[in-house]
Amino acid sequence: MRDVILAAAGEAAAEINPAAARQAASEQGREIPNQIKEARSAGLAEGIRQGSVQERERIKTILIGESARGREALAQYFAFETDFSADVALGALSKSPAAKGSLDQAMANEVKPRLGPGGERSSAEPPRMISTEDIYARRRAAVAAASRQ
């Protein structure tokens, strides 16, 4: 409605002062490209904002999805390196095998022997010494017992 009123006022002014009307039309002609540029900039900024929100939601859905458990590296690849939708990425994750565990996890569960600086066990029990005299005495006793039978 406002535009109609302004147009009518412009026509009335043109009838009274044609030179002023031409100048006003020329100025309006310069304003229109500026208004178009401003509208495009505003639209672009809004599009970038909405796109960012949607992309964050997509990444969050992929990384937090139930299918991502045990497949974290693949989920991160799908989230950050591809343009897959969240549904496609979660579908692919559900079809891929889950990791069984890394070598670091397996080694963390192993019992580690406590060795001293020379490689010997550093426990409270005294080291067992081999006595050759005891070994020969037991052998002689075993041979003597066997020969009596």
C-alpha atoms as a PDB file:
ATOM      1  CA  MET A   1       0.000   0.000   0.000  1.00  0.00           C
ATOM      2  CA  ARG A   2       2.845   2.316   0.912  1.00  0.00           C
ATOM      3  CA  ASP A   3       4.471   1.726  -2.473  1.00  0.00           C
ATOM      4  CA  VAL A   4       1.264   2.593  -4.268  1.00  0.00           C
ATOM      5  CA  ILE A   5       0.958   5.849  -2.343  1.00  0.00           C
ATOM      6  CA  LEU A   6       4.587   6.743  -3.015  1.00  0.00           C
ATOM      7  CA  ALA A   7       4.208   5.924  -6.697  1.00  0.00           C
ATOM      8  CA  ALA A   8       1.130   8.115  -6.931  1.00  0.00           C
ATOM      9  CA  ALA A   9       2.944  10.915  -5.129  1.00  0.00           C
ATOM     10  CA  GLY A  10       5.878  10.507  -7.493  1.00  0.00           C
ATOM     11  CA  GLU A  11       3.618  10.755 -10.526  1.00  0.00           C
ATOM     12  CA  ALA A  12       1.976  13.849  -9.120  1.00  0.00           C
ATOM     13  CA  ALA A  13       5.382  15.411  -8.485  1.00  0.00           C
ATOM     14  CA  ALA A  14       6.496  14.517 -12.004  1.00  0.00           C
ATOM     15  CA  GLU A  15       3.553  16.380 -13.426  1.00  0.00           C
ATOM     16  CA  ILE A  16       4.498  19.486 -11.428  1.00  0.00           C
ATOM     17  CA  ASN A  17       8.326  19.377 -11.773  1.00  0.00           C
ATOM     18  CA  PRO A  18       9.585  16.941 -14.456  1.00  0.00           C
ATOM     19  CA  ALA A  19      13.308  17.633 -13.738  1.00  0.00           C
ATOM     20  CA  ALA A  20      12.921  16.778 -10.052  1.00  0.00           C
ATOM     21  CA  ALA A  21      11.046  13.621 -10.996  1.00  0.00           C
ATOM     22  CA  ARG A  22      13.871  12.498 -13.296  1.00  0.00           C
ATOM     23  CA  GLN A  23      16.439  13.117 -10.555  1.00  0.00           C
ATOM     24  CA  ALA A  24      14.370  11.179  -7.982  1.00  0.00           C
ATOM     25  CA  ALA A  25      13.981   8.267 -10.413  1.00  0.00           C
ATOM     26  CA  SER A  26      17.719   8.303 -11.020  1.00  0.00           C
ATOM     27  CA  GLU A  27      18.417   8.188  -7.269  1.00  0.00           C
ATOM     28  CA  GLN A  28      15.916   5.361  -6.830  1.00  0.00           C
ATOM     29  CA  GLY A  29      17.689   3.537  -9.643  1.00  0.00           C
ATOM     30  CA  ARG A  30      20.927   3.767  -7.673  1.00  0.00           C
ATOM     31  CA  GLU A  31      19.260   2.639  -4.451  1.00  0.00           C
ATOM     32  CA  ILE A  32      17.788  -0.521  -5.955  1.00  0.00           C
ATOM     33  CA  PRO A  33      21.174  -2.211  -6.688  1.00  0.00           C
ATOM     34  CA  ASN A  34      22.305  -1.308  -3.158  1.00  0.00           C
ATOM     35  CA  GLN A  35      19.120  -2.785  -1.714  1.00  0.00           C
ATOM     36  CA  ILE A  36      19.643  -5.927  -3.792  1.00  0.00           C
ATOM     37  CA  LYS A  37      23.237  -6.240  -2.520  1.00  0.00           C
ATOM     38  CA  GLU A  38      22.102  -5.794   1.077  1.00  0.00           C
ATOM     39  CA  ALA A  39      19.327  -8.368   0.637  1.00  0.00           C
ATOM     40  CA  ARG A  40      21.765 -10.858  -0.911  1.00  0.00           C
ATOM     41  CA  SER A  41      24.254 -10.326   1.916  1.00  0.00           C
ATOM     42  CA  ALA A  42      21.557 -10.823   4.535  1.00  0.00           C
ATOM     43  CA  GLY A  43      20.298 -13.942   2.754  1.00  0.00           C
ATOM     44  CA  LEU A  44      23.814 -15.336   2.471  1.00  0.00           C
ATOM     45  CA  ALA A  45      24.517 -14.726   6.167  1.00  0.00           C
ATOM     46  CA  GLU A  46      21.253 -16.430   7.152  1.00  0.00           C
ATOM     47  CA  GLY A  47      21.989 -19.360   4.832  1.00  0.00           C
ATOM     48  CA  ILE A  48      25.447 -19.812   6.333  1.00  0.00           C
ATOM     49  CA  ARG A  49      24.009 -19.716   9.846  1.00  0.00           C
ATOM     50  CA  GLN A  50      21.329 -22.297   9.048  1.00  0.00           C
ATOM     51  CA  GLY A  51      23.846 -24.493   7.222  1.00  0.00           C
ATOM     52  CA  SER A  52      26.208 -24.383  10.199  1.00  0.00           C
ATOM     53  CA  VAL A  53      23.449 -25.406  12.588  1.00  0.00           C
ATOM     54  CA  GLN A  54      22.425 -28.299  10.329  1.00  0.00           C
ATOM     55  CA  GLU A  55      26.039 -29.463   9.887  1.00  0.00           C
ATOM     56  CA  ARG A  56      26.648 -29.469  13.653  1.00  0.00           C
ATOM     57  CA  GLU A  57      23.494 -31.532  14.134  1.00  0.00           C
ATOM     58  CA  ARG A  58      24.658 -34.001  11.451  1.00  0.00           C
ATOM     59  CA  ILE A  59      28.086 -34.390  13.064  1.00  0.00           C
ATOM     60  CA  LYS A  60      26.582 -34.786  16.528  1.00  0.00           C
ATOM     61  CA  THR A  61      24.119 -37.417  15.304  1.00  0.00           C
ATOM     62  CA  ILE A  62      26.880 -39.450  13.652  1.00  0.00           C
ATOM     63  CA  LEU A  63      29.322 -39.298  16.570  1.00  0.00           C
ATOM     64  CA  ILE A  64      26.795 -39.956  19.352  1.00  0.00           C
ATOM     65  CA  GLY A  65      24.807 -42.618  17.498  1.00  0.00           C
ATOM     66  CA  GLU A  66      24.593 -46.136  18.905  1.00  0.00           C
ATOM     67  CA  SER A  67      26.272 -47.459  15.751  1.00  0.00           C
ATOM     68  CA  ALA A  68      29.402 -45.378  16.444  1.00  0.00           C
ATOM     69  CA  ARG A  69      30.358 -47.360  19.562  1.00  0.00           C
ATOM     70  CA  GLY A  70      33.455 -49.398  18.852  1.00  0.00           C
ATOM     71  CA  ARG A  71      33.809 -47.655  15.498  1.00  0.00           C
ATOM     72  CA  GLU A  72      34.860 -44.192  16.656  1.00  0.00           C
ATOM     73  CA  ALA A  73      37.556 -43.646  14.018  1.00  0.00           C
ATOM     74  CA  LEU A  74      35.183 -44.546  11.182  1.00  0.00           C
ATOM     75  CA  ALA A  75      32.432 -42.367  12.681  1.00  0.00           C
ATOM     76  CA  GLN A  76      34.821 -39.409  12.817  1.00  0.00           C
ATOM     77  CA  TYR A  77      35.783 -40.026   9.201  1.00  0.00           C
ATOM     78  CA  PHE A  78      32.140 -40.063   8.103  1.00  0.00           C
ATOM     79  CA  ALA A  79      31.332 -36.967  10.181  1.00  0.00           C
ATOM     80  CA  PHE A  80      34.231 -34.753   9.149  1.00  0.00           C
ATOM     81  CA  GLU A  81      35.539 -36.056   5.814  1.00  0.00           C
ATOM     82  CA  THR A  82      32.354 -36.938   3.897  1.00  0.00           C
ATOM     83  CA  ASP A  83      29.072 -35.319   2.924  1.00  0.00           C
ATOM     84  CA  PHE A  84      27.041 -38.387   3.926  1.00  0.00           C
ATOM     85  CA  SER A  85      23.765 -37.655   5.638  1.00  0.00           C
ATOM     86  CA  ALA A  86      23.533 -38.815   9.251  1.00  0.00           C
ATOM     87  CA  ASP A  87      21.209 -41.676   8.275  1.00  0.00           C
ATOM     88  CA  VAL A  88      23.567 -42.960   5.571  1.00  0.00           C
ATOM     89  CA  ALA A  89      26.608 -42.704   7.854  1.00  0.00           C
ATOM     90  CA  LEU A  90      24.844 -44.502  10.728  1.00  0.00           C
ATOM     91  CA  GLY A  91      23.696 -47.215   8.330  1.00  0.00           C
ATOM     92  CA  ALA A  92      27.252 -47.746   7.096  1.00  0.00           C
ATOM     93  CA  LEU A  93      28.557 -47.782  10.674  1.00  0.00           C
ATOM     94  CA  SER A  94      26.027 -50.428  11.696  1.00  0.00           C
ATOM     95  CA  LYS A  95      27.216 -52.690   8.854  1.00  0.00           C
ATOM     96  CA  SER A  96      30.915 -52.379   9.708  1.00  0.00           C
ATOM     97  CA  PRO A  97      32.524 -54.581  12.380  1.00  0.00           C
ATOM     98  CA  ALA A  98      33.181 -53.039  15.769  1.00  0.00           C
ATOM     99  CA  ALA A  99      36.733 -52.864  17.030  1.00  0.00           C
ATOM    100  CA  LYS A 100      37.634 -55.655  19.402  1.00  0.00           C
ATOM    101  CA  GLY A 101      40.171 -53.580  21.283  1.00  0.00           C
ATOM    102  CA  SER A 102      43.540 -52.130  20.637  1.00  0.00           C
ATOM    103  CA  LEU A 103      46.919 -53.581  21.458  1.00  0.00           C
ATOM    104  CA  ASP A 104      47.318 -50.929  24.148  1.00  0.00           C
ATOM    105  CA  GLN A 105      44.132 -52.123  25.851  1.00  0.00           C
ATOM    106  CA  ALA A 106      45.235 -55.751  25.647  1.00  0.00           C
ATOM    107  CA  MET A 107      48.668 -54.961  27.080  1.00  0.00           C
ATOM    108  CA  ALA A 108      47.147 -52.924  29.905  1.00  0.00           C
ATOM    109  CA  ASN A 109      45.314 -56.041  31.096  1.00  0.00           C
ATOM    110  CA  GLU A 110      48.450 -58.225  31.153  1.00  0.00           C
ATOM    111  CA  VAL A 111      50.281 -58.947  34.403  1.00  0.00           C
ATOM    112  CA  LYS A 112      53.626 -57.233  34.358  1.00  0.00           C
ATOM    113  CA  PRO A 113      56.505 -58.940  36.163  1.00  0.00           C
ATOM    114  CA  ARG A 114      58.459 -56.761  38.521  1.00  0.00           C
ATOM    115  CA  LEU A 115      62.086 -57.075  37.562  1.00  0.00           C
ATOM    116  CA  GLY A 116      65.090 -55.586  39.265  1.00  0.00           C
ATOM    117  CA  PRO A 117      67.843 -53.638  37.539  1.00  0.00           C
ATOM    118  CA  GLY A 118      69.664 -56.787  36.392  1.00  0.00           C
ATOM    119  CA  GLY A 119      66.543 -58.521  35.126  1.00  0.00           C
ATOM    120  CA  GLU A 120      66.059 -60.598  38.289  1.00  0.00           C
ATOM    121  CA  ARG A 121      62.779 -60.695  40.146  1.00  0.00           C
ATOM    122  CA  SER A 122      62.583 -58.057  42.815  1.00  0.00           C
ATOM    123  CA  SER A 123      60.344 -59.880  45.257  1.00  0.00           C
ATOM    124  CA  ALA A 124      60.648 -60.291  49.007  1.00  0.00           C
ATOM    125  CA  GLU A 125      61.419 -64.004  48.776  1.00  0.00           C
ATOM    126  CA  PRO A 126      65.108 -64.808  48.702  1.00  0.00           C
ATOM    127  CA  PRO A 127      66.479 -66.185  45.467  1.00  0.00           C
ATOM    128  CA  ARG A 128      66.801 -69.946  45.296  1.00  0.00           C
ATOM    129  CA  MET A 129      70.413 -71.091  45.025  1.00  0.00           C
ATOM    130  CA  ILE A 130      71.381 -74.265  43.234  1.00  0.00           C
ATOM    131  CA  SER A 131      73.547 -76.522  45.323  1.00  0.00           C
ATOM    132  CA  THR A 132      75.430 -79.086  43.290  1.00  0.00           C
ATOM    133  CA  GLU A 133      76.312 -81.013  46.445  1.00  0.00           C
ATOM    134  CA  ASP A 134      72.599 -81.508  47.256  1.00  0.00           C
ATOM    135  CA  ILE A 135      71.883 -82.649  43.701  1.00  0.00           C
ATOM    136  CA  TYR A 136      74.686 -85.281  43.754  1.00  0.00           C
ATOM    137  CA  ALA A 137      73.703 -86.480  47.215  1.00  0.00           C
ATOM    138  CA  ARG A 138      70.080 -87.020  46.087  1.00  0.00           C
ATOM    139  CA  ARG A 139      71.258 -88.881  42.977  1.00  0.00           C
ATOM    140  CA  ARG A 140      73.519 -91.182  45.049  1.00  0.00           C
ATOM    141  CA  ALA A 141      70.643 -91.883  47.421  1.00  0.00           C
ATOM    142  CA  ALA A 142      68.291 -92.654  44.521  1.00  0.00           C
ATOM    143  CA  VAL A 143      70.847 -94.993  42.875  1.00  0.00           C
ATOM    144  CA  ALA A 144      71.485 -96.776  46.191  1.00  0.00           C
ATOM    145  CA  ALA A 145      67.729 -97.194  46.782  1.00  0.00           C
ATOM    146  CA  ALA A 146      67.255 -98.571  43.272  1.00  0.00           C
ATOM    147  CA  SER A 147      70.162-101.024  43.564  1.00  0.00           C
ATOM    148  CA  ARG A 148      68.790-102.494  46.825  1.00  0.00           C
ATOM    149  CA  GLN A 149      65.564-103.472  45.188  1.00  0.00           C
END
